[in-house]
Amino acid sequence: MDFSYEQVAAFAQQSGLLYFFLIFSAICVYALWPKNKAKFDHAAQIPLEED
């Protein structure tokens, strides 16, 4: 089975798009998960704390 450059390039583009979409979705789910709210709220207040 021979693949042309166009077929390989199209497959790589589609696979890359799917990969980055899944990574982006996982990051969004992690950032918006209710269990992580306290951790992110604390991290957001660190620059405002007095030394």
PDB file of N, CA and C in Angstrom:
ATOM      1  N   MET A   1       0.852  -1.174   0.000  1.00  0.00           N
ATOM      2  CA  MET A   1       0.000   0.000   0.000  1.00  0.00           C
ATOM      3  C   MET A   1       0.897   1.236   0.000  1.00  0.00           C
ATOM      4  N   ASP A   2       0.808   2.007  -1.051  1.00  0.00           N
ATOM      5  CA  ASP A   2       1.601   3.226  -1.165  1.00  0.00           C
ATOM      6  C   ASP A   2       0.747   4.424  -0.796  1.00  0.00           C
ATOM      7  N   PHE A   3       1.332   5.301  -0.014  1.00  0.00           N
ATOM      8  CA  PHE A   3       0.653   6.529   0.369  1.00  0.00           C
ATOM      9  C   PHE A   3       1.331   7.689  -0.333  1.00  0.00           C
ATOM     10  N   SER A   4       0.527   8.592  -0.826  1.00  0.00           N
ATOM     11  CA  SER A   4       1.100   9.785  -1.436  1.00  0.00           C
ATOM     12  C   SER A   4       1.365  10.819  -0.344  1.00  0.00           C
ATOM     13  N   TYR A   5       2.160  11.796  -0.699  1.00  0.00           N
ATOM     14  CA  TYR A   5       2.474  12.866   0.246  1.00  0.00           C
ATOM     15  C   TYR A   5       1.198  13.565   0.697  1.00  0.00           C
ATOM     16  N   GLU A   6       0.272  13.786  -0.220  1.00  0.00           N
ATOM     17  CA  GLU A   6      -0.971  14.484   0.115  1.00  0.00           C
ATOM     18  C   GLU A   6      -1.795  13.692   1.127  1.00  0.00           C
ATOM     19  N   GLN A   7      -1.825  12.374   0.978  1.00  0.00           N
ATOM     20  CA  GLN A   7      -2.576  11.542   1.918  1.00  0.00           C
ATOM     21  C   GLN A   7      -1.943  11.569   3.308  1.00  0.00           C
ATOM     22  N   VAL A   8      -0.635  11.469   3.349  1.00  0.00           N
ATOM     23  CA  VAL A   8       0.067  11.493   4.636  1.00  0.00           C
ATOM     24  C   VAL A   8      -0.085  12.853   5.292  1.00  0.00           C
ATOM     25  N   ALA A   9       0.028  13.932   4.503  1.00  0.00           N
ATOM     26  CA  ALA A   9      -0.110  15.281   5.050  1.00  0.00           C
ATOM     27  C   ALA A   9      -1.522  15.507   5.576  1.00  0.00           C
ATOM     28  N   ALA A  10      -2.537  15.054   4.846  1.00  0.00           N
ATOM     29  CA  ALA A  10      -3.920  15.214   5.296  1.00  0.00           C
ATOM     30  C   ALA A  10      -4.156  14.429   6.586  1.00  0.00           C
ATOM     31  N   PHE A  11      -3.626  13.207   6.655  1.00  0.00           N
ATOM     32  CA  PHE A  11      -3.778  12.402   7.867  1.00  0.00           C
ATOM     33  C   PHE A  11      -3.089  13.068   9.053  1.00  0.00           C
ATOM     34  N   ALA A  12      -1.884  13.590   8.835  1.00  0.00           N
ATOM     35  CA  ALA A  12      -1.145  14.251   9.912  1.00  0.00           C
ATOM     36  C   ALA A  12      -1.878  15.499  10.387  1.00  0.00           C
ATOM     37  N   GLN A  13      -2.458  16.250   9.469  1.00  0.00           N
ATOM     38  CA  GLN A  13      -3.196  17.455   9.856  1.00  0.00           C
ATOM     39  C   GLN A  13      -4.432  17.096  10.672  1.00  0.00           C
ATOM     40  N   GLN A  14      -5.162  16.093  10.232  1.00  0.00           N
ATOM     41  CA  GLN A  14      -6.366  15.690  10.958  1.00  0.00           C
ATOM     42  C   GLN A  14      -6.017  15.097  12.319  1.00  0.00           C
ATOM     43  N   SER A  15      -4.970  14.299  12.370  1.00  0.00           N
ATOM     44  CA  SER A  15      -4.551  13.709  13.644  1.00  0.00           C
ATOM     45  C   SER A  15      -4.065  14.786  14.604  1.00  0.00           C
ATOM     46  N   GLY A  16      -3.312  15.742  14.094  1.00  0.00           N
ATOM     47  CA  GLY A  16      -2.826  16.834  14.934  1.00  0.00           C
ATOM     48  C   GLY A  16      -3.957  17.674  15.470  1.00  0.00           C
ATOM     49  N   LEU A  17      -4.939  17.954  14.618  1.00  0.00           N
ATOM     50  CA  LEU A  17      -6.097  18.730  15.058  1.00  0.00           C
ATOM     51  C   LEU A  17      -6.848  17.993  16.155  1.00  0.00           C
ATOM     52  N   LEU A  18      -7.070  16.709  15.981  1.00  0.00           N
ATOM     53  CA  LEU A  18      -7.762  15.909  16.994  1.00  0.00           C
ATOM     54  C   LEU A  18      -6.960  15.864  18.292  1.00  0.00           C
ATOM     55  N   TYR A  19      -5.649  15.678  18.186  1.00  0.00           N
ATOM     56  CA  TYR A  19      -4.777  15.630  19.358  1.00  0.00           C
ATOM     57  C   TYR A  19      -4.848  16.934  20.146  1.00  0.00           C
ATOM     58  N   PHE A  20      -4.681  18.064  19.477  1.00  0.00           N
ATOM     59  CA  PHE A  20      -4.693  19.342  20.180  1.00  0.00           C
ATOM     60  C   PHE A  20      -6.080  19.677  20.723  1.00  0.00           C
ATOM     61  N   PHE A  21      -7.138  19.266  20.025  1.00  0.00           N
ATOM     62  CA  PHE A  21      -8.487  19.480  20.541  1.00  0.00           C
ATOM     63  C   PHE A  21      -8.702  18.681  21.824  1.00  0.00           C
ATOM     64  N   LEU A  22      -8.237  17.433  21.848  1.00  0.00           N
ATOM     65  CA  LEU A  22      -8.392  16.611  23.053  1.00  0.00           C
ATOM     66  C   LEU A  22      -7.575  17.167  24.215  1.00  0.00           C
ATOM     67  N   ILE A  23      -6.358  17.617  23.948  1.00  0.00           N
ATOM     68  CA  ILE A  23      -5.529  18.211  25.001  1.00  0.00           C
ATOM     69  C   ILE A  23      -6.179  19.485  25.522  1.00  0.00           C
ATOM     70  N   PHE A  24      -6.667  20.341  24.609  1.00  0.00           N
ATOM     71  CA  PHE A  24      -7.328  21.582  25.008  1.00  0.00           C
ATOM     72  C   PHE A  24      -8.562  21.288  25.853  1.00  0.00           C
ATOM     73  N   SER A  25      -9.355  20.294  25.439  1.00  0.00           N
ATOM     74  CA  SER A  25     -10.555  19.925  26.194  1.00  0.00           C
ATOM     75  C   SER A  25     -10.197  19.414  27.585  1.00  0.00           C
ATOM     76  N   ALA A  26      -9.153  18.604  27.684  1.00  0.00           N
ATOM     77  CA  ALA A  26      -8.735  18.079  28.987  1.00  0.00           C
ATOM     78  C   ALA A  26      -8.265  19.206  29.902  1.00  0.00           C
ATOM     79  N   ILE A  27      -7.543  20.174  29.359  1.00  0.00           N
ATOM     80  CA  ILE A  27      -7.081  21.306  30.167  1.00  0.00           C
ATOM     81  C   ILE A  27      -8.263  22.135  30.647  1.00  0.00           C
ATOM     82  N   CYS A  28      -9.236  22.368  29.775  1.00  0.00           N
ATOM     83  CA  CYS A  28     -10.425  23.136  30.175  1.00  0.00           C
ATOM     84  C   CYS A  28     -11.212  22.409  31.256  1.00  0.00           C
ATOM     85  N   VAL A  29     -11.379  21.111  31.115  1.00  0.00           N
ATOM     86  CA  VAL A  29     -12.100  20.335  32.126  1.00  0.00           C
ATOM     87  C   VAL A  29     -11.362  20.404  33.456  1.00  0.00           C
ATOM     88  N   TYR A  30     -10.042  20.265  33.431  1.00  0.00           N
ATOM     89  CA  TYR A  30      -9.251  20.340  34.664  1.00  0.00           C
ATOM     90  C   TYR A  30      -9.386  21.718  35.310  1.00  0.00           C
ATOM     91  N   ALA A  31      -9.312  22.762  34.504  1.00  0.00           N
ATOM     92  CA  ALA A  31      -9.356  24.121  35.050  1.00  0.00           C
ATOM     93  C   ALA A  31     -10.736  24.473  35.594  1.00  0.00           C
ATOM     94  N   LEU A  32     -11.779  23.919  35.027  1.00  0.00           N
ATOM     95  CA  LEU A  32     -13.136  24.280  35.432  1.00  0.00           C
ATOM     96  C   LEU A  32     -13.787  23.252  36.355  1.00  0.00           C
ATOM     97  N   TRP A  33     -13.072  22.192  36.699  1.00  0.00           N
ATOM     98  CA  TRP A  33     -13.623  21.165  37.588  1.00  0.00           C
ATOM     99  C   TRP A  33     -13.864  21.778  38.967  1.00  0.00           C
ATOM    100  N   PRO A  34     -15.062  21.616  39.539  1.00  0.00           N
ATOM    101  CA  PRO A  34     -15.382  22.257  40.822  1.00  0.00           C
ATOM    102  C   PRO A  34     -14.424  21.883  41.955  1.00  0.00           C
ATOM    103  N   LYS A  35     -13.880  20.696  41.952  1.00  0.00           N
ATOM    104  CA  LYS A  35     -12.974  20.264  43.018  1.00  0.00           C
ATOM    105  C   LYS A  35     -11.698  21.111  43.047  1.00  0.00           C
ATOM    106  N   ASN A  36     -11.288  21.661  41.915  1.00  0.00           N
ATOM    107  CA  ASN A  36     -10.047  22.437  41.832  1.00  0.00           C
ATOM    108  C   ASN A  36     -10.239  23.912  42.151  1.00  0.00           C
ATOM    109  N   LYS A  37     -11.469  24.342  42.417  1.00  0.00           N
ATOM    110  CA  LYS A  37     -11.747  25.762  42.635  1.00  0.00           C
ATOM    111  C   LYS A  37     -10.963  26.331  43.812  1.00  0.00           C
ATOM    112  N   ALA A  38     -10.929  25.638  44.914  1.00  0.00           N
ATOM    113  CA  ALA A  38     -10.224  26.151  46.098  1.00  0.00           C
ATOM    114  C   ALA A  38      -8.731  26.312  45.825  1.00  0.00           C
ATOM    115  N   LYS A  39      -8.150  25.358  45.131  1.00  0.00           N
ATOM    116  CA  LYS A  39      -6.723  25.429  44.814  1.00  0.00           C
ATOM    117  C   LYS A  39      -6.425  26.633  43.919  1.00  0.00           C
ATOM    118  N   PHE A  40      -7.257  26.871  42.913  1.00  0.00           N
ATOM    119  CA  PHE A  40      -7.039  27.994  42.007  1.00  0.00           C
ATOM    120  C   PHE A  40      -7.345  29.328  42.680  1.00  0.00           C
ATOM    121  N   ASP A  41      -8.340  29.359  43.557  1.00  0.00           N
ATOM    122  CA  ASP A  41      -8.624  30.596  44.298  1.00  0.00           C
ATOM    123  C   ASP A  41      -7.448  30.966  45.203  1.00  0.00           C
ATOM    124  N   HIS A  42      -6.870  29.980  45.860  1.00  0.00           N
ATOM    125  CA  HIS A  42      -5.705  30.245  46.708  1.00  0.00           C
ATOM    126  C   HIS A  42      -4.523  30.733  45.862  1.00  0.00           C
ATOM    127  N   ALA A  43      -4.286  30.099  44.732  1.00  0.00           N
ATOM    128  CA  ALA A  43      -3.175  30.501  43.865  1.00  0.00           C
ATOM    129  C   ALA A  43      -3.385  31.906  43.309  1.00  0.00           C
ATOM    130  N   ALA A  44      -4.631  32.304  43.100  1.00  0.00           N
ATOM    131  CA  ALA A  44      -4.912  33.644  42.583  1.00  0.00           C
ATOM    132  C   ALA A  44      -4.635  34.719  43.624  1.00  0.00           C
ATOM    133  N   GLN A  45      -4.702  34.360  44.911  1.00  0.00           N
ATOM    134  CA  GLN A  45      -4.480  35.335  45.974  1.00  0.00           C
ATOM    135  C   GLN A  45      -3.014  35.464  46.383  1.00  0.00           C
ATOM    136  N   ILE A  46      -2.157  34.583  45.937  1.00  0.00           N
ATOM    137  CA  ILE A  46      -0.743  34.608  46.337  1.00  0.00           C
ATOM    138  C   ILE A  46      -0.067  35.937  46.005  1.00  0.00           C
ATOM    139  N   PRO A  47      -0.258  36.527  44.820  1.00  0.00           N
ATOM    140  CA  PRO A  47       0.423  37.805  44.544  1.00  0.00           C
ATOM    141  C   PRO A  47      -0.052  38.956  45.430  1.00  0.00           C
ATOM    142  N   LEU A  48      -1.231  38.831  46.017  1.00  0.00           N
ATOM    143  CA  LEU A  48      -1.791  39.909  46.827  1.00  0.00           C
ATOM    144  C   LEU A  48      -1.431  39.796  48.303  1.00  0.00           C
ATOM    145  N   GLU A  49      -0.851  38.680  48.713  1.00  0.00           N
ATOM    146  CA  GLU A  49      -0.512  38.477  50.122  1.00  0.00           C
ATOM    147  C   GLU A  49       0.704  39.308  50.507  1.00  0.00           C
ATOM    148  N   GLU A  50       0.707  39.747  51.744  1.00  0.00           N
ATOM    149  CA  GLU A  50       1.855  40.476  52.288  1.00  0.00           C
ATOM    150  C   GLU A  50       2.947  39.480  52.652  1.00  0.00           C
ATOM    151  N   ASP A  51       4.176  39.886  52.526  1.00  0.00           N
ATOM    152  CA  ASP A  51       5.297  39.013  52.899  1.00  0.00           C
ATOM    153  C   ASP A  51       5.513  38.979  54.382  1.00  0.00           C
TER     154      ASP A  51
END
